[in-house]
């Protein structure tokens, strides 16, 4: 059973930094891509940043230059700098994995970690 365990969420003031991490485990042969999504209060869940197995990254425009996604083996990180009120959300880790060289695979979500930016 694949598990994604997130950590790093906190309540901070505007301008602060946080580093989220997500560790994947559970019979994974290969991680094809990992991503961070976020869901602000009362809004839908949207993609924040993603990273492929080859290291290609993608960011939503609102976080470009402030957030950085990176990975190390089966762990993905999201370094968040210069946080503002609009970054307040539950942040979810997402993984696209394979269980063998030729499949099968699946996609999985973490349980979420809360980030609150408040003055």
Protein backbone atom coordinates (compact mmCIF):
# COMPACT_ATOMS: atom_id res chain seq x y z
CA UNK A 1 0.00 0.00 0.00
CA UNK A 2 1.52 3.30 -1.10
CA UNK A 3 1.73 5.97 1.57
CA UNK A 4 2.60 9.63 1.13
CA UNK A 5 3.52 11.28 4.41
CA UNK A 6 3.70 15.06 4.40
CA UNK A 7 5.21 17.39 6.93
CA UNK A 8 6.31 20.99 7.32
CA UNK A 9 3.06 22.91 7.43
CA UNK A 10 2.84 25.70 9.97
CA UNK A 11 1.33 29.06 10.81
CA UNK A 12 3.68 31.90 9.80
CA UNK A 13 3.72 35.62 9.16
CA UNK A 14 3.84 37.18 5.68
CA UNK A 15 7.32 37.11 4.22
CA UNK A 16 8.31 33.94 6.05
CA UNK A 17 9.57 30.71 4.52
CA UNK A 18 8.51 27.09 4.93
CA UNK A 19 9.81 23.82 3.54
CA UNK A 20 7.27 21.07 2.98
CA UNK A 21 8.33 17.47 2.51
CA UNK A 22 6.52 14.36 1.32
CA UNK A 23 7.96 10.87 1.65
CA UNK A 24 6.55 8.08 -0.50
CA UNK A 25 6.76 4.44 0.50
CA UNK A 26 5.10 1.09 -0.11
CA UNK A 27 6.36 -1.21 -2.87
CA UNK A 28 7.20 1.55 -5.32
CA UNK A 29 9.41 0.54 -8.22
CA UNK A 30 9.64 3.97 -9.80
CA UNK A 31 8.22 7.40 -9.14
CA UNK A 32 7.26 8.92 -12.49
CA UNK A 33 6.30 12.33 -11.17
CA UNK A 34 5.43 14.08 -7.95
CA UNK A 35 3.56 17.28 -7.37
CA UNK A 36 2.20 19.65 -4.77
CA UNK A 37 -1.38 20.85 -4.91
CA UNK A 38 -3.12 23.24 -2.57
CA UNK A 39 -6.69 23.90 -1.54
CA UNK A 40 -7.48 27.29 0.01
CA UNK A 41 -10.49 27.51 2.34
CA UNK A 42 -13.69 27.19 0.34
CA UNK A 43 -11.90 26.74 -2.97
CA UNK A 44 -10.91 23.88 -5.23
CA UNK A 45 -7.64 21.98 -5.15
CA UNK A 46 -5.16 23.26 -7.73
CA UNK A 47 -1.68 22.35 -8.88
CA UNK A 48 1.16 24.38 -7.38
CA UNK A 49 4.29 22.67 -8.72
CA UNK A 50 5.36 19.38 -10.23
CA UNK A 51 8.57 17.51 -10.93
CA UNK A 52 9.20 14.55 -13.20
CA UNK A 53 11.58 11.65 -12.69
CA UNK A 54 14.07 13.42 -14.94
CA UNK A 55 13.86 16.60 -12.89
CA UNK A 56 11.71 18.75 -15.14
CA UNK A 57 9.69 21.20 -13.10
CA UNK A 58 6.53 23.19 -13.61
CA UNK A 59 4.98 25.96 -11.49
CA UNK A 60 1.75 27.87 -11.37
CA UNK A 61 2.40 31.52 -12.23
CA UNK A 62 1.52 32.82 -8.75
CA UNK A 63 4.44 30.97 -7.13
CA UNK A 64 7.13 31.34 -9.78
CA UNK A 65 10.27 32.85 -8.28
CA UNK A 66 9.08 32.16 -4.72
CA UNK A 67 8.59 28.38 -4.55
CA UNK A 68 10.99 25.63 -5.55
CA UNK A 69 10.16 21.96 -5.92
CA UNK A 70 12.89 19.35 -5.62
CA UNK A 71 13.23 15.63 -5.01
CA UNK A 72 15.59 13.16 -3.45
CA UNK A 73 14.84 9.49 -4.15
CA UNK A 74 11.24 8.99 -2.97
CA UNK A 75 10.87 12.33 -1.19
CA UNK A 76 9.66 15.57 -2.72
CA UNK A 77 10.15 18.99 -1.18
CA UNK A 78 8.53 22.35 -1.66
CA UNK A 79 10.60 25.29 -0.50
CA UNK A 80 8.25 28.25 -0.10
CA UNK A 81 9.70 31.73 0.31
CA UNK A 82 8.13 35.16 0.74
CA UNK A 83 4.80 33.66 1.76
CA UNK A 84 1.68 35.83 1.56
CA UNK A 85 -1.92 35.51 2.68
CA UNK A 86 -2.96 33.99 -0.67
CA UNK A 87 -0.68 31.01 0.03
CA UNK A 88 -2.88 29.95 2.95
CA UNK A 89 -4.19 26.48 2.10
CA UNK A 90 -3.97 22.80 2.79
CA UNK A 91 -1.06 21.50 0.72
CA UNK A 92 -1.34 18.00 -0.72
CA UNK A 93 1.38 15.79 -2.13
CA UNK A 94 0.58 13.74 -5.24
CA UNK A 95 2.60 10.90 -6.75
CA UNK A 96 2.44 9.00 -10.02
CA UNK A 97 4.21 5.68 -9.45
CA UNK A 98 4.96 2.37 -11.11
CA UNK A 99 5.18 -1.00 -9.38
CA UNK A 100 7.27 -2.66 -12.08
CA UNK A 101 9.37 -1.87 -15.09
CA UNK A 102 6.36 -2.30 -17.37
CA UNK A 103 3.63 -1.35 -14.92
CA UNK A 104 1.12 -1.46 -13.34
CA UNK A 105 1.06 1.84 -11.53
CA UNK A 106 -1.19 4.32 -9.87
CA UNK A 107 -1.62 7.81 -8.53
CA UNK A 108 -1.83 8.66 -4.86
CA UNK A 109 -2.50 11.57 -2.52
CA UNK A 110 -1.10 12.51 0.84
CA UNK A 111 -3.25 13.51 3.76
CA UNK A 112 -2.45 17.21 3.48
CA UNK A 113 -0.52 19.67 5.60
CA UNK A 114 -1.88 23.05 6.66
CA UNK A 115 -0.11 26.28 5.80
CA UNK A 116 -1.50 29.46 7.35
CA UNK A 117 -0.04 32.84 6.52
CA UNK A 118 -1.37 35.46 8.87
CA UNK A 119 -0.20 38.72 10.36
